[in-house]
Amino acid sequence: MIPANFDYHAPSTLDEAFKLLSELGDEAKILAGGHSLIPMMKLRFAEPEHLVDLGGIPGLNTVSMENGSLHIGAMVKEAELEHNAEVTSKFPIFTDAAKLIADPQVRNFGTLGGNLAHGDAANDQPAVMLALGASVEITNAEEKRTVDINDFFYGFYMTAIQEGEILTNISIPVPAGKFGNAYSKIERKVGDYATGGVAVALELDDSGVCTRAGIGLTNVNPTPMRAERSEAALVGKVIDAAAIAEAAQMASEDCNPSDDLRGDSDYKRRVIRSLTKKMIAKALERAQA
């Protein structure tokens, strides 16, 4: 289908973008990569009268590692993360996820900020960010504020971004000790949304005891979710097969999948249990390498 008519705006600075958003109000939508919004517009699920394209604003597409954190501009493209050796050497989870996000064309246009701001529990990056313990920077015309990723998603396609605000940066803590991370999903066909997906990030002390575990789940809850009981089951232990099995079972019990064309809820719980086992084992292997 063809989207409804709209006016296109391409500000060259954040100030210009904020002015447009203030003037246009709820008639405007922010355009990042467009690979979540445009399909919804084609189906007439979204019919904004104005699109404000952030692609020409400098400073939103930088990647840096400083002060113990990885900082990713909201307009950094999925493919740029996938091919950034400095990033993937510490966070191979981005390579894991990128290989499963749609196709190369989408990854060359889709942005990390857009993926998160869309608020879709079926997207891959929300689970990754939950596992990694990220925070997001949200900016308006007067100030910036930092929101923990755990407080960012709060409803179906709903996030902490308010009218007149723009998601500008994502920050991820870089652990000082041993750590590993991994992501995978089950999909009906290449490029499809996940039937279920699991992101895992682990930190270990020198004796091999898990000091932090982050587990994010994709498309098995109305909002992106953490498997908090599963995380707690791993922390304070040298992770073994029994601990992995316990955590995986908890994740399958605590998720809230719906019956749809990708499978019924029982099948999706089995998917989550299996993937959680595999991703904990993979993240653990990377942490121990």
Protein backbone atom coordinates (compact mmCIF):
# COMPACT_ATOMS: atom_id res chain seq x y z
CA MET A 1 0.00 0.00 0.00
CA ILE A 2 0.94 3.66 -0.27
CA PRO A 3 1.13 5.89 2.82
CA ALA A 4 -1.29 8.75 3.27
CA ASN A 5 0.02 12.14 2.19
CA PHE A 6 2.48 13.79 4.54
CA ASP A 7 4.90 16.73 4.62
CA TYR A 8 8.60 15.95 4.92
CA HIS A 9 10.96 18.05 7.06
CA ALA A 10 14.76 17.67 7.24
CA PRO A 11 16.20 19.81 10.05
CA SER A 12 19.97 20.26 10.13
CA THR A 13 20.25 20.80 13.90
CA LEU A 14 18.55 19.52 17.03
CA ASP A 15 17.26 23.03 17.73
CA GLU A 16 15.51 23.05 14.35
CA ALA A 17 14.05 19.62 15.09
CA PHE A 18 12.72 20.73 18.47
CA LYS A 19 11.17 23.83 16.91
CA LEU A 20 9.40 21.70 14.31
CA LEU A 21 8.14 19.26 16.93
CA SER A 22 6.86 22.16 19.04
CA GLU A 23 5.05 23.73 16.09
CA LEU A 24 3.61 20.51 14.65
CA GLY A 25 2.70 18.77 17.91
CA ASP A 26 1.14 15.34 17.70
CA GLU A 27 0.67 15.68 13.95
CA ALA A 28 4.39 14.90 13.52
CA LYS A 29 6.40 11.71 13.77
CA ILE A 30 10.17 11.45 14.03
CA LEU A 31 11.84 9.59 11.16
CA ALA A 32 15.09 7.76 11.93
CA GLY A 33 15.82 4.87 9.57
CA GLY A 34 12.14 4.42 8.76
CA HIS A 35 12.09 0.64 8.69
CA SER A 36 9.58 0.40 11.51
CA LEU A 37 7.52 3.52 10.87
CA ILE A 38 7.19 3.43 7.07
CA PRO A 39 5.69 -0.10 6.92
CA MET A 40 3.10 0.98 9.50
CA MET A 41 2.34 4.03 7.37
CA LYS A 42 1.93 1.87 4.28
CA LEU A 43 -0.63 -0.22 6.15
CA ARG A 44 -2.30 2.98 7.42
CA PHE A 45 -1.67 1.92 11.02
CA ALA A 46 0.07 5.29 11.36
CA GLU A 47 -0.94 8.38 9.40
CA PRO A 48 1.24 11.30 10.53
CA GLU A 49 0.76 14.54 8.66
CA HIS A 50 4.45 15.42 9.05
CA LEU A 51 7.71 13.46 9.20
CA VAL A 52 10.75 15.06 10.85
CA ASP A 53 13.87 13.32 9.52
CA LEU A 54 16.83 13.26 11.93
CA GLY A 55 19.27 11.93 9.33
CA GLY A 56 20.93 15.28 8.62
CA ILE A 57 21.64 16.25 12.23
CA PRO A 58 25.34 15.95 13.19
CA GLY A 59 26.34 14.28 16.44
CA LEU A 60 23.65 11.62 16.46
CA ASN A 61 25.67 9.02 14.55
CA THR A 62 28.83 8.72 16.63
CA VAL A 63 30.19 5.72 18.54
CA SER A 64 32.72 6.08 21.36
CA MET A 65 34.03 4.14 24.32
CA GLU A 66 34.94 6.38 27.24
CA ASN A 67 34.53 6.66 31.01
CA GLY A 68 33.76 2.97 31.28
CA SER A 69 30.82 3.04 28.89
CA LEU A 70 30.02 2.48 25.24
CA HIS A 71 28.16 5.50 23.85
CA ILE A 72 26.09 5.02 20.70
CA GLY A 73 24.33 7.88 18.94
CA ALA A 74 20.67 7.22 18.29
CA MET A 75 21.14 7.49 14.50
CA VAL A 76 23.94 4.90 14.32
CA LYS A 77 22.83 2.25 11.88
CA GLU A 78 22.58 -1.44 12.71
CA ALA A 79 25.19 -2.26 10.05
CA GLU A 80 27.64 0.24 11.54
CA LEU A 81 27.49 -1.58 14.88
CA GLU A 82 27.78 -4.94 13.18
CA HIS A 83 31.02 -3.91 11.46
CA ASN A 84 32.61 -1.86 14.26
CA ALA A 85 35.49 -4.06 15.46
CA GLU A 86 36.03 -2.10 18.68
CA VAL A 87 32.39 -2.57 19.63
CA THR A 88 31.99 -6.20 18.61
CA SER A 89 35.24 -7.26 20.30
CA LYS A 90 33.56 -6.50 23.63
CA PHE A 91 29.94 -6.88 22.59
CA PRO A 92 29.66 -9.70 20.03
CA ILE A 93 25.97 -9.67 20.90
CA PHE A 94 25.62 -6.86 18.34
CA THR A 95 26.92 -9.15 15.61
CA ASP A 96 24.60 -11.90 16.84
CA ALA A 97 21.61 -9.58 16.66
CA ALA A 98 22.52 -7.90 13.38
CA LYS A 99 22.70 -11.21 11.55
CA LEU A 100 19.10 -11.82 12.55
CA ILE A 101 17.65 -8.36 11.94
CA ALA A 102 15.78 -8.40 8.64
CA ASP A 103 18.26 -8.15 5.74
CA PRO A 104 21.33 -6.06 4.77
CA GLN A 105 19.20 -3.36 3.16
CA VAL A 106 17.28 -2.81 6.38
CA ARG A 107 20.44 -2.91 8.51
CA ASN A 108 22.03 -0.27 6.28
CA PHE A 109 19.17 2.14 7.04
CA GLY A 110 17.66 1.04 10.34
CA THR A 111 19.06 2.76 13.43
CA LEU A 112 19.55 1.62 17.00
CA GLY A 113 17.63 4.62 18.34
CA GLY A 114 14.72 4.01 16.01
CA ASN A 115 14.62 0.34 16.93
CA LEU A 116 14.27 1.27 20.61
CA ALA A 117 12.03 4.33 20.26
CA HIS A 118 9.46 2.35 18.27
CA GLY A 119 8.72 0.44 21.47
CA ASP A 120 7.97 -2.85 19.72
CA ALA A 121 8.52 -5.95 21.86
CA ALA A 122 9.10 -7.90 18.63
CA ASN A 123 12.21 -5.87 17.77
CA ASP A 124 15.54 -7.45 18.64
CA GLN A 125 17.48 -4.58 20.20
CA PRO A 126 15.22 -3.93 23.21
CA ALA A 127 16.08 -7.35 24.66
CA VAL A 128 19.77 -6.76 23.94
CA MET A 129 19.70 -3.41 25.75
CA LEU A 130 17.86 -4.91 28.72
CA ALA A 131 20.45 -7.65 29.03
CA LEU A 132 23.35 -5.20 28.80
CA GLY A 133 21.92 -2.80 31.39
CA ALA A 134 21.82 0.18 29.03
CA SER A 135 20.51 3.67 29.64
CA VAL A 136 19.16 6.15 27.12
CA GLU A 137 19.57 9.89 26.81
CA ILE A 138 16.37 11.74 25.98
CA THR A 139 16.61 15.39 24.97
CA ASN A 140 14.14 18.25 24.57
CA ALA A 141 14.59 21.93 23.81
CA GLU A 142 15.58 22.75 27.40
CA GLU A 143 17.38 19.76 28.87
CA LYS A 144 18.62 16.21 28.68
CA ARG A 145 17.60 13.37 30.95
CA THR A 146 18.89 9.85 31.38
CA VAL A 147 16.45 6.95 31.63
CA ASP A 148 17.42 3.45 32.70
CA ILE A 149 16.39 0.96 30.03
CA ASN A 150 14.29 -0.86 32.63
CA ASP A 151 12.10 2.24 32.87
CA PHE A 152 12.00 3.01 29.14
CA PHE A 153 9.38 0.55 27.86
CA TYR A 154 6.08 0.80 29.70
CA GLY A 155 3.29 -0.18 27.31
CA PHE A 156 2.40 -1.57 23.90
CA TYR A 157 4.45 0.61 21.51
CA MET A 158 4.87 3.05 24.41
CA THR A 159 8.16 4.40 25.74
CA ALA A 160 9.40 7.11 28.11
CA ILE A 161 9.84 9.55 25.20
CA GLN A 162 7.36 12.38 25.63
CA GLU A 163 5.98 14.87 23.11
CA GLY A 164 8.73 17.23 21.94
CA GLU A 165 11.53 14.87 23.00
CA ILE A 166 14.11 12.97 20.96
CA LEU A 167 16.13 9.91 21.93
CA THR A 168 19.71 11.08 21.29
CA ASN A 169 22.13 8.54 22.78
CA ILE A 170 22.41 5.05 24.24
CA SER A 171 25.02 4.21 26.89
CA ILE A 172 26.12 0.71 27.85
CA PRO A 173 28.46 0.00 30.78
CA VAL A 174 31.66 -1.83 29.83
CA PRO A 175 32.51 -4.29 32.64
CA ALA A 176 36.08 -4.18 33.93
CA GLY A 177 36.44 -7.92 34.53
CA LYS A 178 35.39 -11.07 32.71
CA PHE A 179 32.16 -10.75 30.78
CA GLY A 180 30.34 -12.28 27.84
CA ASN A 181 27.12 -11.69 25.93
CA ALA A 182 25.05 -13.42 23.26
CA TYR A 183 21.72 -13.23 21.42
CA SER A 184 19.64 -15.50 19.24
CA LYS A 185 16.05 -15.95 18.16
CA ILE A 186 13.82 -18.43 16.40
CA GLU A 187 12.07 -17.11 13.30
CA ARG A 188 9.78 -18.71 10.75
CA LYS A 189 11.88 -17.44 7.86
CA VAL A 190 14.92 -15.24 7.37
CA GLY A 191 14.16 -11.64 8.26
CA ASP A 192 10.93 -12.39 10.11
CA TYR A 193 10.07 -11.11 13.55
CA ALA A 194 11.05 -13.48 16.32
CA THR A 195 8.86 -16.33 17.44
CA GLY A 196 10.96 -15.82 20.56
CA GLY A 197 14.40 -14.43 21.27
CA VAL A 198 16.84 -14.32 24.18
CA ALA A 199 19.70 -11.93 24.97
CA VAL A 200 22.13 -12.79 27.78
CA ALA A 201 24.96 -10.81 29.38
CA LEU A 202 27.10 -12.29 32.16
CA GLU A 203 29.87 -10.91 34.38
CA LEU A 204 32.22 -13.18 36.34
CA ASP A 205 34.75 -12.60 39.10
CA ASP A 206 38.22 -14.13 39.07
CA SER A 207 36.95 -17.32 40.69
CA GLY A 208 34.28 -17.77 38.03
CA VAL A 209 31.33 -16.75 40.19
CA CYS A 210 28.63 -14.82 38.35
CA THR A 211 28.41 -11.26 39.72
CA ARG A 212 25.80 -9.97 37.27
CA ALA A 213 23.37 -11.56 34.85
CA GLY A 214 21.13 -9.77 32.38
CA ILE A 215 18.54 -11.70 30.37
CA GLY A 216 16.22 -9.95 27.91
CA LEU A 217 13.38 -11.65 26.04
CA THR A 218 12.02 -10.80 22.59
CA ASN A 219 8.37 -10.98 21.48
CA VAL A 220 7.01 -13.05 24.36
CA ASN A 221 5.43 -10.23 26.36
CA PRO A 222 3.42 -7.12 25.46
CA THR A 223 6.52 -5.07 26.30
CA PRO A 224 10.22 -5.99 26.12
CA MET A 225 10.99 -7.85 29.33
CA ARG A 226 13.79 -9.03 31.58
CA ALA A 227 13.77 -12.53 33.01
CA GLU A 228 14.58 -11.30 36.50
CA ARG A 229 14.10 -14.59 38.35
CA SER A 230 16.41 -16.26 35.86
CA GLU A 231 19.04 -13.58 36.42
CA ALA A 232 18.85 -14.03 40.19
CA ALA A 233 19.21 -17.80 39.78
CA LEU A 234 22.64 -17.29 38.20
CA VAL A 235 24.15 -14.56 40.38
CA GLY A 236 26.41 -15.72 43.19
CA LYS A 237 27.10 -19.08 41.60
CA VAL A 238 29.67 -20.77 39.44
CA ILE A 239 27.28 -21.37 36.56
CA ASP A 240 26.85 -25.05 35.77
CA ALA A 241 24.35 -27.14 33.82
CA ALA A 242 21.91 -27.27 36.72
CA ALA A 243 21.93 -23.48 37.17
CA ILE A 244 21.43 -23.00 33.43
CA ALA A 245 18.50 -25.41 33.37
CA GLU A 246 16.88 -23.71 36.37
CA ALA A 247 17.25 -20.24 34.84
CA ALA A 248 15.89 -21.43 31.50
CA GLN A 249 12.84 -22.99 33.13
CA MET A 250 12.14 -19.78 35.03
CA ALA A 251 12.35 -17.72 31.84
CA SER A 252 9.84 -19.99 30.13
CA GLU A 253 7.47 -19.74 33.10
CA ASP A 254 7.72 -15.97 33.53
CA CYS A 255 7.26 -14.84 29.93
CA ASN A 256 3.79 -14.02 28.64
CA PRO A 257 3.56 -15.07 24.98
CA SER A 258 0.38 -14.91 22.93
CA ASP A 259 -1.02 -17.41 20.47
CA ASP A 260 -0.54 -16.20 16.90
CA LEU A 261 0.58 -17.31 13.45
CA ARG A 262 4.10 -17.95 14.80
CA GLY A 263 2.88 -20.54 17.29
CA ASP A 264 0.88 -21.03 20.43
CA SER A 265 2.04 -19.94 23.86
CA ASP A 266 3.21 -23.42 24.92
CA TYR A 267 5.46 -23.68 21.87
CA LYS A 268 6.88 -20.21 22.49
CA ARG A 269 7.67 -21.09 26.10
CA ARG A 270 9.61 -24.10 24.87
CA VAL A 271 11.46 -21.83 22.44
CA ILE A 272 12.40 -19.50 25.29
CA ARG A 273 13.56 -22.36 27.50
CA SER A 274 15.77 -23.78 24.76
CA LEU A 275 17.22 -20.43 23.69
CA THR A 276 17.89 -19.35 27.27
CA LYS A 277 19.95 -22.48 27.86
CA LYS A 278 21.92 -21.92 24.67
CA MET A 279 22.53 -18.21 25.19
CA ILE A 280 23.62 -18.57 28.81
CA ALA A 281 26.08 -21.25 27.72
CA LYS A 282 27.32 -19.09 24.84
CA ALA A 283 27.72 -15.95 26.97
CA LEU A 284 29.49 -18.01 29.63
CA GLU A 285 31.89 -19.45 27.06
CA ARG A 286 32.70 -15.94 25.83
CA ALA A 287 33.22 -14.68 29.38
CA GLN A 288 35.64 -17.51 30.11
CA ALA A 289 37.61 -17.12 26.85
